[in-house]
Amino acid sequence: MPVTRPDAPAMLVVMGVSGSGKSTIARRLADALGYAFLDGDDLHPPANIAKMSLGVPLEDADRWPWLEAIAAWMRQELAAGHSAVVACSALKRVYRERLCQVGPALRFVYLDVGHDELARRMRGREHFMPLALLDSQLATLEPPARDEPALRVDANGTVEETIAQALRGLERQGLGTPHTS
């Protein structure tokens, strides 16, 4: 689906807790907008994946190198003039602030999903993040504040509904207008 793109490259981080649909929504947004895609989970070091697989929550010290790897990838894409969509939990404001250091082109798409829906989704998938860590993720989550460059999307519905809502919000922010040709 071709897109009317902003003049400068854009970087979108689709964020939320495990089970919110980050990877699916980010991939579909990247496809709709014609942007590159990165699943931030692919940059987790093996030690992080091992911890989470055992049901052990990550600590800030575990997340900093991972967040820096994501930021480095984003800087590389922006330097090449590419727009991209990244799936990354970005649960705390301080994590988002670290990612925002890549430049003003970065925006967040916050997938807001209720606890029961998250639990239902997590029970129905295979992933290194077990359902046992859901409450820890929710306790860590600091939803984006009004002064952050973020679009809140109610992601309790279908993938199609979530994508449509995200695209409408991004269009209002001037970050790309999908259209058919």
C-alpha atoms as a PDB file:
ATOM      1  CA  MET A   1       0.000   0.000   0.000  1.00  0.00           C
ATOM      2  CA  PRO A   2       1.784   3.198  -1.148  1.00  0.00           C
ATOM      3  CA  VAL A   3       2.028   6.042   1.313  1.00  0.00           C
ATOM      4  CA  THR A   4       2.306   9.803   1.358  1.00  0.00           C
ATOM      5  CA  ARG A   5       5.420  10.048   3.521  1.00  0.00           C
ATOM      6  CA  PRO A   6       6.684  12.897   5.646  1.00  0.00           C
ATOM      7  CA  ASP A   7       9.527  14.955   4.157  1.00  0.00           C
ATOM      8  CA  ALA A   8      12.029  13.626   6.698  1.00  0.00           C
ATOM      9  CA  PRO A   9      12.425  10.015   7.836  1.00  0.00           C
ATOM     10  CA  ALA A  10      10.209   8.988  10.742  1.00  0.00           C
ATOM     11  CA  MET A  11      10.850   6.461  13.491  1.00  0.00           C
ATOM     12  CA  LEU A  12       7.890   4.814  15.222  1.00  0.00           C
ATOM     13  CA  VAL A  13       8.228   2.661  18.326  1.00  0.00           C
ATOM     14  CA  VAL A  14       5.190   0.473  18.948  1.00  0.00           C
ATOM     15  CA  MET A  15       5.237  -0.023  22.709  1.00  0.00           C
ATOM     16  CA  GLY A  16       3.329  -1.808  25.448  1.00  0.00           C
ATOM     17  CA  VAL A  17       3.487  -4.793  27.739  1.00  0.00           C
ATOM     18  CA  SER A  18       3.920  -8.365  26.603  1.00  0.00           C
ATOM     19  CA  GLY A  19       0.785  -9.609  24.864  1.00  0.00           C
ATOM     20  CA  SER A  20      -0.300  -6.148  23.694  1.00  0.00           C
ATOM     21  CA  GLY A  21       0.412  -7.045  20.072  1.00  0.00           C
ATOM     22  CA  LYS A  22       3.576  -4.994  19.574  1.00  0.00           C
ATOM     23  CA  SER A  23       5.239  -7.260  17.030  1.00  0.00           C
ATOM     24  CA  THR A  24       2.106  -7.897  14.985  1.00  0.00           C
ATOM     25  CA  ILE A  25       0.945  -4.280  14.988  1.00  0.00           C
ATOM     26  CA  ALA A  26       4.446  -2.889  14.329  1.00  0.00           C
ATOM     27  CA  ARG A  27       4.986  -5.247  11.387  1.00  0.00           C
ATOM     28  CA  ARG A  28       1.581  -4.393   9.905  1.00  0.00           C
ATOM     29  CA  LEU A  29       2.160  -0.638  10.384  1.00  0.00           C
ATOM     30  CA  ALA A  30       5.565  -0.923   8.705  1.00  0.00           C
ATOM     31  CA  ASP A  31       3.959  -2.735   5.774  1.00  0.00           C
ATOM     32  CA  ALA A  32       1.124  -0.188   5.509  1.00  0.00           C
ATOM     33  CA  LEU A  33       3.510   2.763   5.644  1.00  0.00           C
ATOM     34  CA  GLY A  34       6.267   1.251   3.517  1.00  0.00           C
ATOM     35  CA  TYR A  35       8.753   1.576   6.393  1.00  0.00           C
ATOM     36  CA  ALA A  36      11.509  -0.803   7.541  1.00  0.00           C
ATOM     37  CA  PHE A  37      10.676  -3.045  10.518  1.00  0.00           C
ATOM     38  CA  LEU A  38      12.591  -4.283  13.571  1.00  0.00           C
ATOM     39  CA  ASP A  39      11.269  -6.508  16.320  1.00  0.00           C
ATOM     40  CA  GLY A  40      13.217  -5.276  19.337  1.00  0.00           C
ATOM     41  CA  ASP A  41      12.969  -8.745  20.896  1.00  0.00           C
ATOM     42  CA  ASP A  42      15.434  -9.898  18.223  1.00  0.00           C
ATOM     43  CA  LEU A  43      18.110  -7.718  19.862  1.00  0.00           C
ATOM     44  CA  HIS A  44      17.694  -9.108  23.389  1.00  0.00           C
ATOM     45  CA  PRO A  45      20.910 -10.781  24.501  1.00  0.00           C
ATOM     46  CA  PRO A  46      20.616 -14.504  25.315  1.00  0.00           C
ATOM     47  CA  ALA A  47      20.914 -13.759  29.060  1.00  0.00           C
ATOM     48  CA  ASN A  48      17.756 -11.594  28.948  1.00  0.00           C
ATOM     49  CA  ILE A  49      15.794 -14.253  27.082  1.00  0.00           C
ATOM     50  CA  ALA A  50      16.978 -16.903  29.544  1.00  0.00           C
ATOM     51  CA  LYS A  51      15.859 -14.793  32.524  1.00  0.00           C
ATOM     52  CA  MET A  52      12.433 -14.095  31.077  1.00  0.00           C
ATOM     53  CA  SER A  53      11.986 -17.722  30.014  1.00  0.00           C
ATOM     54  CA  LEU A  54      12.513 -18.705  33.648  1.00  0.00           C
ATOM     55  CA  GLY A  55       9.896 -16.175  34.758  1.00  0.00           C
ATOM     56  CA  VAL A  56      12.469 -13.734  36.170  1.00  0.00           C
ATOM     57  CA  PRO A  57      11.661 -10.077  35.423  1.00  0.00           C
ATOM     58  CA  LEU A  58      14.369  -8.011  33.779  1.00  0.00           C
ATOM     59  CA  GLU A  59      15.969  -5.235  35.788  1.00  0.00           C
ATOM     60  CA  ASP A  60      17.046  -1.866  34.436  1.00  0.00           C
ATOM     61  CA  ALA A  61      20.652  -3.117  34.178  1.00  0.00           C
ATOM     62  CA  ASP A  62      19.408  -5.888  31.853  1.00  0.00           C
ATOM     63  CA  ARG A  63      17.485  -3.453  29.680  1.00  0.00           C
ATOM     64  CA  TRP A  64      20.050  -0.675  29.101  1.00  0.00           C
ATOM     65  CA  PRO A  65      22.299  -2.588  26.651  1.00  0.00           C
ATOM     66  CA  TRP A  66      19.205  -3.869  24.829  1.00  0.00           C
ATOM     67  CA  LEU A  67      17.739  -0.371  24.547  1.00  0.00           C
ATOM     68  CA  GLU A  68      21.083   0.950  23.295  1.00  0.00           C
ATOM     69  CA  ALA A  69      21.157  -1.759  20.592  1.00  0.00           C
ATOM     70  CA  ILE A  70      17.674  -0.682  19.475  1.00  0.00           C
ATOM     71  CA  ALA A  71      18.691   2.994  19.508  1.00  0.00           C
ATOM     72  CA  ALA A  72      21.816   2.192  17.458  1.00  0.00           C
ATOM     73  CA  TRP A  73      19.689   0.401  14.855  1.00  0.00           C
ATOM     74  CA  MET A  74      17.302   3.370  14.698  1.00  0.00           C
ATOM     75  CA  ARG A  75      20.166   5.864  14.327  1.00  0.00           C
ATOM     76  CA  GLN A  76      21.561   3.786  11.470  1.00  0.00           C
ATOM     77  CA  GLU A  77      18.195   3.724   9.682  1.00  0.00           C
ATOM     78  CA  LEU A  78      17.664   7.468  10.139  1.00  0.00           C
ATOM     79  CA  ALA A  79      21.209   8.235   8.940  1.00  0.00           C
ATOM     80  CA  ALA A  80      20.434   6.249   5.784  1.00  0.00           C
ATOM     81  CA  GLY A  81      17.263   8.301   5.302  1.00  0.00           C
ATOM     82  CA  HIS A  82      14.963   5.382   6.087  1.00  0.00           C
ATOM     83  CA  SER A  83      11.755   5.509   8.073  1.00  0.00           C
ATOM     84  CA  ALA A  84      11.132   2.511  10.336  1.00  0.00           C
ATOM     85  CA  VAL A  85       8.791   0.922  12.843  1.00  0.00           C
ATOM     86  CA  VAL A  86      10.231  -0.834  15.895  1.00  0.00           C
ATOM     87  CA  ALA A  87       8.404  -3.156  18.298  1.00  0.00           C
ATOM     88  CA  CYS A  88       9.796  -2.442  21.790  1.00  0.00           C
ATOM     89  CA  SER A  89       8.130  -2.579  25.203  1.00  0.00           C
ATOM     90  CA  ALA A  90       9.589   0.800  26.320  1.00  0.00           C
ATOM     91  CA  LEU A  91       7.716   0.355  29.605  1.00  0.00           C
ATOM     92  CA  LYS A  92       9.262   3.184  31.609  1.00  0.00           C
ATOM     93  CA  ARG A  93       9.546   6.852  30.753  1.00  0.00           C
ATOM     94  CA  VAL A  94      13.300   6.715  31.321  1.00  0.00           C
ATOM     95  CA  TYR A  95      13.556   3.958  28.663  1.00  0.00           C
ATOM     96  CA  ARG A  96      11.580   6.101  26.219  1.00  0.00           C
ATOM     97  CA  GLU A  97      13.799   9.079  27.027  1.00  0.00           C
ATOM     98  CA  ARG A  98      16.840   6.956  26.188  1.00  0.00           C
ATOM     99  CA  LEU A  99      15.282   5.960  22.860  1.00  0.00           C
ATOM    100  CA  CYS A 100      14.311   9.584  22.125  1.00  0.00           C
ATOM    101  CA  GLN A 101      18.009  10.437  22.053  1.00  0.00           C
ATOM    102  CA  VAL A 102      18.032   9.155  18.452  1.00  0.00           C
ATOM    103  CA  GLY A 103      16.362  12.430  17.482  1.00  0.00           C
ATOM    104  CA  PRO A 104      13.134  14.344  17.095  1.00  0.00           C
ATOM    105  CA  ALA A 105      11.849  12.003  14.359  1.00  0.00           C
ATOM    106  CA  LEU A 106      10.904   9.400  16.989  1.00  0.00           C
ATOM    107  CA  ARG A 107       7.283   8.843  18.027  1.00  0.00           C
ATOM    108  CA  PHE A 108       5.683   6.151  20.178  1.00  0.00           C
ATOM    109  CA  VAL A 109       2.505   4.218  19.465  1.00  0.00           C
ATOM    110  CA  TYR A 110       1.317   2.961  22.866  1.00  0.00           C
ATOM    111  CA  LEU A 111      -0.854  -0.159  22.662  1.00  0.00           C
ATOM    112  CA  ASP A 112      -3.191   0.060  25.658  1.00  0.00           C
ATOM    113  CA  VAL A 113      -4.764  -3.320  26.505  1.00  0.00           C
ATOM    114  CA  GLY A 114      -6.635  -4.465  29.615  1.00  0.00           C
ATOM    115  CA  HIS A 115      -5.283  -7.138  31.974  1.00  0.00           C
ATOM    116  CA  ASP A 116      -7.840  -9.834  31.109  1.00  0.00           C
ATOM    117  CA  GLU A 117      -7.289  -9.445  27.371  1.00  0.00           C
ATOM    118  CA  LEU A 118      -3.507  -9.514  27.845  1.00  0.00           C
ATOM    119  CA  ALA A 119      -3.760 -12.721  29.893  1.00  0.00           C
ATOM    120  CA  ARG A 120      -6.018 -14.328  27.267  1.00  0.00           C
ATOM    121  CA  ARG A 121      -3.560 -13.469  24.498  1.00  0.00           C
ATOM    122  CA  MET A 122      -0.534 -14.650  26.437  1.00  0.00           C
ATOM    123  CA  ARG A 123      -2.176 -17.999  27.208  1.00  0.00           C
ATOM    124  CA  GLY A 124      -2.759 -18.509  23.488  1.00  0.00           C
ATOM    125  CA  ARG A 125       0.799 -18.046  22.198  1.00  0.00           C
ATOM    126  CA  GLU A 126       4.281 -19.465  22.386  1.00  0.00           C
ATOM    127  CA  HIS A 127       6.815 -16.856  23.453  1.00  0.00           C
ATOM    128  CA  PHE A 128       9.764 -16.620  25.819  1.00  0.00           C
ATOM    129  CA  MET A 129       7.745 -14.242  28.029  1.00  0.00           C
ATOM    130  CA  PRO A 130       5.516 -16.374  30.264  1.00  0.00           C
ATOM    131  CA  LEU A 131       2.110 -15.324  31.587  1.00  0.00           C
ATOM    132  CA  ALA A 132       3.667 -15.314  35.064  1.00  0.00           C
ATOM    133  CA  LEU A 133       5.487 -12.066  34.161  1.00  0.00           C
ATOM    134  CA  LEU A 134       2.352 -10.165  33.120  1.00  0.00           C
ATOM    135  CA  ASP A 135       1.772  -8.592  36.537  1.00  0.00           C
ATOM    136  CA  SER A 136       5.447  -7.590  36.716  1.00  0.00           C
ATOM    137  CA  GLN A 137       5.166  -5.945  33.282  1.00  0.00           C
ATOM    138  CA  LEU A 138       2.038  -4.054  34.309  1.00  0.00           C
ATOM    139  CA  ALA A 139       3.674  -2.940  37.568  1.00  0.00           C
ATOM    140  CA  THR A 140       6.671  -1.623  35.598  1.00  0.00           C
ATOM    141  CA  LEU A 141       4.565   0.115  32.928  1.00  0.00           C
ATOM    142  CA  GLU A 142       4.508   3.897  33.053  1.00  0.00           C
ATOM    143  CA  PRO A 143       2.028   4.876  30.327  1.00  0.00           C
ATOM    144  CA  PRO A 144       3.279   7.800  28.242  1.00  0.00           C
ATOM    145  CA  ALA A 145       2.489  11.185  29.730  1.00  0.00           C
ATOM    146  CA  ARG A 146       0.912  14.029  27.759  1.00  0.00           C
ATOM    147  CA  ASP A 147       4.299  15.697  27.272  1.00  0.00           C
ATOM    148  CA  GLU A 148       5.770  12.619  25.537  1.00  0.00           C
ATOM    149  CA  PRO A 149       5.670  12.129  21.745  1.00  0.00           C
ATOM    150  CA  ALA A 150       3.147   9.289  21.938  1.00  0.00           C
ATOM    151  CA  LEU A 151      -0.103   8.191  20.368  1.00  0.00           C
ATOM    152  CA  ARG A 152      -2.307   6.051  22.638  1.00  0.00           C
ATOM    153  CA  VAL A 153      -4.188   3.300  20.792  1.00  0.00           C
ATOM    154  CA  ASP A 154      -6.881   1.146  22.382  1.00  0.00           C
ATOM    155  CA  ALA A 155      -5.627  -2.287  21.314  1.00  0.00           C
ATOM    156  CA  ASN A 156      -8.298  -4.441  22.994  1.00  0.00           C
ATOM    157  CA  GLY A 157      -9.974  -5.118  19.633  1.00  0.00           C
ATOM    158  CA  THR A 158      -8.869  -6.957  16.537  1.00  0.00           C
ATOM    159  CA  VAL A 159      -5.565  -6.405  14.772  1.00  0.00           C
ATOM    160  CA  GLU A 160      -7.433  -4.688  11.933  1.00  0.00           C
ATOM    161  CA  GLU A 161      -9.217  -2.301  14.318  1.00  0.00           C
ATOM    162  CA  THR A 162      -5.942  -1.486  16.078  1.00  0.00           C
ATOM    163  CA  ILE A 163      -4.092  -0.859  12.817  1.00  0.00           C
ATOM    164  CA  ALA A 164      -6.899   1.386  11.524  1.00  0.00           C
ATOM    165  CA  GLN A 165      -6.923   3.405  14.761  1.00  0.00           C
ATOM    166  CA  ALA A 166      -3.120   3.744  14.726  1.00  0.00           C
ATOM    167  CA  LEU A 167      -3.047   4.838  11.078  1.00  0.00           C
ATOM    168  CA  ARG A 168      -5.756   7.447  11.693  1.00  0.00           C
ATOM    169  CA  GLY A 169      -3.807   8.808  14.669  1.00  0.00           C
ATOM    170  CA  LEU A 170      -0.542   8.874  12.746  1.00  0.00           C
ATOM    171  CA  GLU A 171      -2.229  10.653   9.858  1.00  0.00           C
ATOM    172  CA  ARG A 172      -3.505  13.318  12.289  1.00  0.00           C
ATOM    173  CA  GLN A 173       0.118  13.738  13.409  1.00  0.00           C
ATOM    174  CA  GLY A 174       1.317  14.042   9.802  1.00  0.00           C
ATOM    175  CA  LEU A 175       3.389  10.856   9.923  1.00  0.00           C
ATOM    176  CA  GLY A 176       2.134   9.127   6.805  1.00  0.00           C
ATOM    177  CA  THR A 177      -1.135   8.567   5.050  1.00  0.00           C
ATOM    178  CA  PRO A 178      -1.725   5.126   3.591  1.00  0.00           C
ATOM    179  CA  HIS A 179      -3.791   5.110   0.441  1.00  0.00           C
ATOM    180  CA  THR A 180      -4.658   2.693  -2.311  1.00  0.00           C
ATOM    181  CA  SER A 181      -3.459   3.223  -5.855  1.00  0.00           C
END
